[in-house]
């Protein structure tokens, strides 16, 4: 029996028709008076009233959270324990209110402190909740921004975002320190081609590039590529390689031509930087927003277009915000990325 059935069973005798006639002014006034006595907000929808009355134990709490904040098919464990943790908290009423009605935060660029009741809920979720193929912080974000957590489901269908908020995909990162942030894996196809170029240029320049592709080693490679003797060697390879019968030399020639289709060796560094920007931008813009939680106390929220622009390399060197590309994953320096916030 829902709240409307209970209301009618209790008060139907007060209305001439046995129910409130919404076209009758006296019936409407009487109904508002009765609802006021019950301390029910007349602006709430019947569904909201029913939901608020139904969260009476850990089972109904779990059902509510899964329905309101979790995408179907996403596996989340520990919601019963989370409910018990909330009930034991001195801030239980405020915590339950956030869960019922969400934190009502909106996607807005900037630094957001995680404090007071928001912090209590964050720590409780991190303590009790487990998300398959995801991080518990995704559920906290979904509750605070009235979204849907979908990390595990997203990974199965190739979507990068962890939470959907009003049709916008948000990737959530939760770290204890800000200096080394893992922004996830780059496109394997693009990265394979990228590493092939790096290996070739490393051979041509004699510059050793570390397996993790650190920013220092890559920028050293770019510096060496600008040396006049290296560029002269490249010109000679292009002249000889076109008609050579030496297979290894022909292979080197083909790779150089793929990087420099017009044969202008002076453009090699810029082409390399442009390729780096292309690969990284493709990764960053695979979602609409990025949320980076640091030390459980602050969250940096930015649109993907802003993040991509900050990481973009300009002139003759790669951006210092890029820490390294390790194991196909992009790592960035959070201190530099968010220094203006």
Protein backbone atom coordinates (compact mmCIF):
# COMPACT_ATOMS: atom_id res chain seq x y z
CA UNK A 1 0.00 0.00 0.00
CA UNK A 2 1.51 3.36 -1.04
CA UNK A 3 1.22 6.72 0.70
CA UNK A 4 -1.79 7.82 -1.36
CA UNK A 5 -3.76 4.69 -0.41
CA UNK A 6 -2.94 5.32 3.24
CA UNK A 7 -4.07 8.93 2.92
CA UNK A 8 -7.39 8.00 1.32
CA UNK A 9 -8.09 5.17 3.79
CA UNK A 10 -7.55 7.56 6.66
CA UNK A 11 -9.28 10.70 5.39
CA UNK A 12 -11.70 9.72 2.60
CA UNK A 13 -14.69 10.24 4.93
CA UNK A 14 -13.83 13.94 5.10
CA UNK A 15 -14.51 14.43 1.40
CA UNK A 16 -18.08 14.39 -0.05
CA UNK A 17 -17.01 12.15 -2.93
CA UNK A 18 -14.75 9.96 -0.79
CA UNK A 19 -11.69 11.50 -2.40
CA UNK A 20 -10.38 15.06 -2.99
CA UNK A 21 -11.92 16.66 -6.08
CA UNK A 22 -9.15 18.85 -7.49
CA UNK A 23 -11.77 21.04 -9.20
CA UNK A 24 -13.40 21.80 -5.87
CA UNK A 25 -11.71 24.66 -3.99
CA UNK A 26 -12.89 23.42 -0.59
CA UNK A 27 -11.55 19.91 -1.26
CA UNK A 28 -8.17 21.34 -2.29
CA UNK A 29 -7.93 23.50 0.83
CA UNK A 30 -8.87 20.54 3.04
CA UNK A 31 -6.32 18.28 1.38
CA UNK A 32 -3.56 20.90 1.83
CA UNK A 33 -4.48 21.23 5.49
CA UNK A 34 -4.33 17.47 6.03
CA UNK A 35 -1.04 17.17 4.20
CA UNK A 36 0.36 19.99 6.34
CA UNK A 37 -0.64 18.11 9.48
CA UNK A 38 1.20 15.06 8.16
CA UNK A 39 4.27 17.26 7.50
CA UNK A 40 4.28 16.20 3.84
CA UNK A 41 5.58 18.80 1.39
CA UNK A 42 2.80 19.40 -1.14
CA UNK A 43 5.44 20.21 -3.78
CA UNK A 44 6.82 16.67 -3.63
CA UNK A 45 5.57 14.26 -6.23
CA UNK A 46 3.75 11.10 -5.06
CA UNK A 47 6.80 9.10 -6.19
CA UNK A 48 9.13 11.22 -4.04
CA UNK A 49 6.80 10.86 -1.04
CA UNK A 50 6.66 7.12 -1.53
CA UNK A 51 10.46 6.84 -1.83
CA UNK A 52 11.12 8.93 1.28
CA UNK A 53 8.77 6.74 3.32
CA UNK A 54 10.13 3.49 1.91
CA UNK A 55 13.76 3.86 3.10
CA UNK A 56 13.25 2.13 6.41
CA UNK A 57 16.05 -0.42 6.47
CA UNK A 58 19.21 -1.56 4.70
CA UNK A 59 17.27 -3.49 2.05
CA UNK A 60 15.12 -0.57 0.95
CA UNK A 61 18.16 1.70 1.13
CA UNK A 62 20.06 -0.61 -1.24
CA UNK A 63 17.10 -0.82 -3.63
CA UNK A 64 16.76 2.96 -3.67
CA UNK A 65 20.46 3.64 -4.30
CA UNK A 66 20.68 1.06 -7.09
CA UNK A 67 17.59 2.44 -8.80
CA UNK A 68 18.43 6.14 -8.49
CA UNK A 69 22.23 6.30 -8.77
CA UNK A 70 23.45 3.15 -10.54
CA UNK A 71 23.18 2.11 -14.18
CA UNK A 72 21.48 -1.22 -14.70
CA UNK A 73 23.96 -4.09 -14.82
CA UNK A 74 26.61 -2.34 -12.73
CA UNK A 75 27.63 -4.49 -9.76
CA UNK A 76 28.00 -2.68 -6.42
CA UNK A 77 28.57 -4.40 -3.10
CA UNK A 78 28.50 -3.12 0.48
CA UNK A 79 25.38 -0.95 0.34
CA UNK A 80 23.88 -2.71 3.36
CA UNK A 81 27.02 -1.96 5.35
CA UNK A 82 26.97 1.63 4.07
CA UNK A 83 23.43 2.04 5.39
CA UNK A 84 24.42 0.72 8.82
CA UNK A 85 27.39 3.11 8.84
CA UNK A 86 25.11 6.04 8.03
CA UNK A 87 22.62 5.07 10.74
CA UNK A 88 25.41 5.01 13.34
CA UNK A 89 26.65 8.46 12.32
CA UNK A 90 25.72 11.55 14.33
CA UNK A 91 24.91 13.14 10.96
CA UNK A 92 22.58 10.33 9.85
CA UNK A 93 19.64 12.62 9.06
CA UNK A 94 21.74 14.87 6.83
CA UNK A 95 23.40 11.88 5.19
CA UNK A 96 20.09 10.18 4.42
CA UNK A 97 18.75 13.46 3.07
CA UNK A 98 21.67 13.67 0.61
CA UNK A 99 21.10 10.08 -0.49
CA UNK A 100 17.36 10.62 -0.93
CA UNK A 101 17.58 13.94 -2.74
CA UNK A 102 21.21 13.96 -4.00
CA UNK A 103 23.82 16.59 -3.19
CA UNK A 104 22.30 18.66 -6.00
CA UNK A 105 25.70 19.80 -7.24
CA UNK A 106 26.11 20.83 -10.89
CA UNK A 107 29.01 20.30 -13.28
CA UNK A 108 31.04 23.48 -12.88
CA UNK A 109 34.71 24.06 -13.61
CA UNK A 110 36.97 24.58 -10.60
CA UNK A 111 38.25 23.28 -7.29
CA UNK A 112 35.54 21.86 -5.02
CA UNK A 113 36.35 21.24 -1.32
CA UNK A 114 35.07 17.95 0.07
CA UNK A 115 34.05 18.83 3.61
CA UNK A 116 31.40 18.54 6.33
CA UNK A 117 28.59 16.08 5.50
CA UNK A 118 29.90 15.56 1.96
CA UNK A 119 33.19 14.39 3.44
CA UNK A 120 31.49 12.04 5.92
CA UNK A 121 29.50 10.42 3.11
CA UNK A 122 32.63 10.14 0.96
CA UNK A 123 34.58 8.35 3.70
CA UNK A 124 31.70 6.02 4.52
CA UNK A 125 31.34 5.04 0.86
CA UNK A 126 35.09 4.51 0.52
CA UNK A 127 35.04 2.33 3.67
CA UNK A 128 32.10 0.08 2.84
CA UNK A 129 31.37 0.09 -0.90
CA UNK A 130 33.01 -1.97 -3.61
CA UNK A 131 32.34 -1.36 -7.32
CA UNK A 132 33.21 -3.97 -9.89
CA UNK A 133 35.78 -2.57 -12.33
CA UNK A 134 35.49 0.81 -10.66
CA UNK A 135 36.22 2.97 -7.64
CA UNK A 136 33.73 3.64 -4.79
CA UNK A 137 34.20 7.37 -5.36
CA UNK A 138 32.10 6.94 -8.51
CA UNK A 139 29.02 6.24 -6.37
CA UNK A 140 29.74 9.27 -4.18
CA UNK A 141 30.02 11.45 -7.28
CA UNK A 142 26.79 10.02 -8.71
CA UNK A 143 24.94 10.83 -5.48
CA UNK A 144 26.38 14.33 -5.15
CA UNK A 145 25.65 15.24 -8.79
CA UNK A 146 22.45 13.19 -9.22
CA UNK A 147 24.01 10.96 -11.86
CA UNK A 148 24.39 7.26 -12.66
CA UNK A 149 27.50 5.27 -11.75
CA UNK A 150 28.42 2.92 -14.58
CA UNK A 151 32.15 2.16 -14.42
CA UNK A 152 31.97 -1.62 -14.81
CA UNK A 153 29.25 -1.45 -17.44
CA UNK A 154 31.13 1.27 -19.31
CA UNK A 155 34.31 -0.81 -19.58
CA UNK A 156 32.38 -3.66 -21.14
CA UNK A 157 30.95 -1.53 -23.95
CA UNK A 158 34.02 0.59 -24.57
CA UNK A 159 32.79 3.82 -22.98
CA UNK A 160 35.36 5.77 -21.00
CA UNK A 161 33.10 7.66 -18.57
CA UNK A 162 32.47 6.34 -15.05
CA UNK A 163 29.37 8.42 -14.27
CA UNK A 164 26.67 9.98 -16.43
CA UNK A 165 25.25 13.34 -15.30
CA UNK A 166 22.49 14.88 -17.41
CA UNK A 167 23.75 13.07 -20.49
CA UNK A 168 27.37 14.11 -19.89
CA UNK A 169 30.04 11.46 -19.38
CA UNK A 170 32.40 12.07 -16.45
CA UNK A 171 35.64 10.20 -15.77
CA UNK A 172 36.43 10.00 -12.03
CA UNK A 173 40.00 9.74 -10.72
CA UNK A 174 40.68 9.29 -6.99
CA UNK A 175 44.27 9.73 -5.75
CA UNK A 176 46.15 10.17 -2.49
CA UNK A 177 48.65 12.54 -4.16
CA UNK A 178 48.23 15.03 -6.99
CA UNK A 179 51.67 15.00 -8.63
CA UNK A 180 51.28 11.76 -10.65
CA UNK A 181 47.81 11.28 -12.16
CA UNK A 182 47.02 8.28 -14.37
CA UNK A 183 44.54 9.40 -17.04
CA UNK A 184 44.13 5.87 -18.39
CA UNK A 185 45.16 3.99 -21.51
CA UNK A 186 45.69 5.60 -24.89
CA UNK A 187 44.45 4.08 -28.12
CA UNK A 188 46.48 0.91 -28.71
CA UNK A 189 46.44 1.42 -32.47
CA UNK A 190 47.64 5.03 -32.26
CA UNK A 191 50.21 4.19 -29.61
CA UNK A 192 51.65 1.35 -31.69
CA UNK A 193 52.27 3.75 -34.57
CA UNK A 194 53.60 6.41 -32.20
CA UNK A 195 56.13 4.05 -30.60
CA UNK A 196 57.22 2.91 -34.03
CA UNK A 197 58.10 6.50 -34.90
CA UNK A 198 59.94 6.97 -31.59
CA UNK A 199 62.02 3.82 -32.11
CA UNK A 200 63.02 4.97 -35.57
CA UNK A 201 63.95 8.48 -34.47
CA UNK A 202 65.89 7.03 -31.54
CA UNK A 203 67.99 4.99 -33.99
CA UNK A 204 68.55 7.97 -36.26
CA UNK A 205 69.64 10.31 -33.46
CA UNK A 206 71.37 7.78 -31.20
CA UNK A 207 69.25 9.12 -28.33
CA UNK A 208 68.16 6.48 -25.83
CA UNK A 209 64.46 6.69 -24.98
CA UNK A 210 63.27 4.95 -21.83
CA UNK A 211 60.62 2.25 -22.09
CA UNK A 212 58.20 4.38 -20.07
CA UNK A 213 58.59 7.31 -22.51
CA UNK A 214 59.24 10.00 -19.92
CA UNK A 215 58.82 13.64 -20.84
CA UNK A 216 62.56 14.27 -20.38
CA UNK A 217 63.63 11.48 -22.73
CA UNK A 218 61.11 12.49 -25.39
CA UNK A 219 62.07 16.15 -25.25
CA UNK A 220 65.75 15.20 -25.49
CA UNK A 221 64.88 13.24 -28.61
CA UNK A 222 63.16 16.29 -30.09
CA UNK A 223 66.17 18.48 -29.29
CA UNK A 224 68.49 16.04 -31.06
CA UNK A 225 66.19 15.89 -34.09
CA UNK A 226 66.71 19.60 -34.61
CA UNK A 227 70.49 19.23 -34.90
CA UNK A 228 71.76 20.09 -38.36
CA UNK A 229 73.77 16.85 -38.73
CA UNK A 230 70.70 14.72 -37.94
CA UNK A 231 68.56 16.60 -40.44
CA UNK A 232 71.30 16.26 -43.06
CA UNK A 233 71.40 12.50 -42.49
CA UNK A 234 67.62 12.36 -42.94
CA UNK A 235 67.90 14.17 -46.26
CA UNK A 236 70.51 11.68 -47.44
CA UNK A 237 68.34 8.73 -46.43
CA UNK A 238 65.43 10.24 -48.37
CA UNK A 239 67.61 10.71 -51.44
CA UNK A 240 69.09 7.21 -51.31
CA UNK A 241 66.14 5.28 -49.95
CA UNK A 242 63.76 5.98 -52.79
CA UNK A 243 65.61 3.72 -55.23
CA UNK A 244 67.65 1.53 -52.87
CA UNK A 245 67.48 -2.24 -53.01
CA UNK A 246 68.64 -2.59 -49.41
CA UNK A 247 65.57 -3.77 -47.54
CA UNK A 248 66.45 -2.37 -44.11
CA UNK A 249 67.24 1.05 -45.59
CA UNK A 250 64.03 0.93 -47.60
CA UNK A 251 62.05 0.23 -44.42
CA UNK A 252 63.60 3.25 -42.71
CA UNK A 253 62.85 5.35 -45.78
CA UNK A 254 59.18 4.27 -45.78
CA UNK A 255 58.72 5.19 -42.14
CA UNK A 256 60.32 8.60 -42.65
CA UNK A 257 58.09 9.26 -45.66
CA UNK A 258 55.01 8.30 -43.59
CA UNK A 259 56.01 10.99 -41.09
CA UNK A 260 57.17 13.50 -43.72
CA UNK A 261 55.02 12.99 -46.81
CA UNK A 262 56.40 16.18 -48.40
CA UNK A 263 60.01 15.25 -47.59
CA UNK A 264 60.66 18.41 -45.56
CA UNK A 265 62.86 17.23 -42.68
CA UNK A 266 62.57 20.61 -40.95
CA UNK A 267 58.94 19.75 -40.18
CA UNK A 268 59.80 16.51 -38.38
CA UNK A 269 59.69 17.94 -34.85
CA UNK A 270 56.40 19.74 -35.43
CA UNK A 271 54.86 16.63 -36.96
CA UNK A 272 55.94 14.59 -33.95
CA UNK A 273 54.38 17.13 -31.54
CA UNK A 274 51.20 17.26 -33.60
CA UNK A 275 50.93 13.46 -33.47
CA UNK A 276 51.43 13.55 -29.69
CA UNK A 277 48.69 16.17 -29.35
CA UNK A 278 46.37 14.15 -31.56
CA UNK A 279 46.75 10.97 -29.51
CA UNK A 280 46.38 12.71 -26.15
CA UNK A 281 43.45 14.86 -27.25
CA UNK A 282 41.64 11.78 -28.50
CA UNK A 283 42.00 10.22 -25.06
CA UNK A 284 41.02 13.31 -23.05
CA UNK A 285 37.98 14.09 -25.19
CA UNK A 286 36.64 10.55 -25.00
CA UNK A 287 34.54 11.91 -22.09
CA UNK A 288 32.85 15.28 -21.48
CA UNK A 289 34.27 16.03 -18.02
CA UNK A 290 37.14 14.94 -15.76
CA UNK A 291 36.85 14.86 -11.97
CA UNK A 292 40.08 14.36 -10.01
CA UNK A 293 39.68 13.73 -6.26
CA UNK A 294 42.87 14.32 -4.27
CA UNK A 295 43.62 13.32 -0.66
CA UNK A 296 39.87 12.92 0.06
CA UNK A 297 39.67 16.66 0.65
CA UNK A 298 39.43 18.35 -2.75
CA UNK A 299 38.04 17.64 -6.18
CA UNK A 300 39.16 19.31 -9.39
CA UNK A 301 36.41 19.37 -12.00
CA UNK A 302 37.07 20.43 -15.58
CA UNK A 303 35.52 19.97 -19.05
CA UNK A 304 37.59 17.72 -21.29
CA UNK A 305 38.19 20.59 -23.73
CA UNK A 306 39.92 22.60 -20.97
CA UNK A 307 42.06 19.63 -19.88
CA UNK A 308 43.07 18.88 -23.48
CA UNK A 309 44.05 22.50 -24.10
CA UNK A 310 46.19 22.60 -20.94
CA UNK A 311 48.05 19.41 -21.86
CA UNK A 312 48.53 20.44 -25.48
CA UNK A 313 52.19 20.76 -26.47
CA UNK A 314 53.31 23.91 -28.21
CA UNK A 315 56.45 25.01 -30.10
CA UNK A 316 59.35 22.53 -30.16
CA UNK A 317 58.94 20.65 -26.87
CA UNK A 318 56.26 18.46 -25.31
CA UNK A 319 54.23 19.98 -22.49
CA UNK A 320 55.81 19.56 -19.02
CA UNK A 321 52.34 18.59 -17.78
CA UNK A 322 52.89 15.23 -19.49
CA UNK A 323 54.87 13.10 -17.02
CA UNK A 324 55.22 9.95 -19.08
CA UNK A 325 53.50 7.32 -21.19
CA UNK A 326 53.93 4.08 -19.31
CA UNK A 327 52.34 0.74 -20.10
CA UNK A 328 50.14 2.49 -22.69
CA UNK A 329 48.78 4.83 -20.00
CA UNK A 330 49.05 8.61 -19.94
CA UNK A 331 50.43 10.11 -16.71
CA UNK A 332 50.26 13.83 -16.05
CA UNK A 333 51.62 16.19 -13.39
CA UNK A 334 48.57 17.28 -11.41
CA UNK A 335 50.41 20.12 -9.72
CA UNK A 336 51.03 21.74 -13.10
CA UNK A 337 47.66 20.80 -14.55
CA UNK A 338 45.68 22.43 -11.74
CA UNK A 339 48.15 25.13 -10.70
CA UNK A 340 45.72 27.89 -11.63
CA UNK A 341 43.00 26.47 -9.40
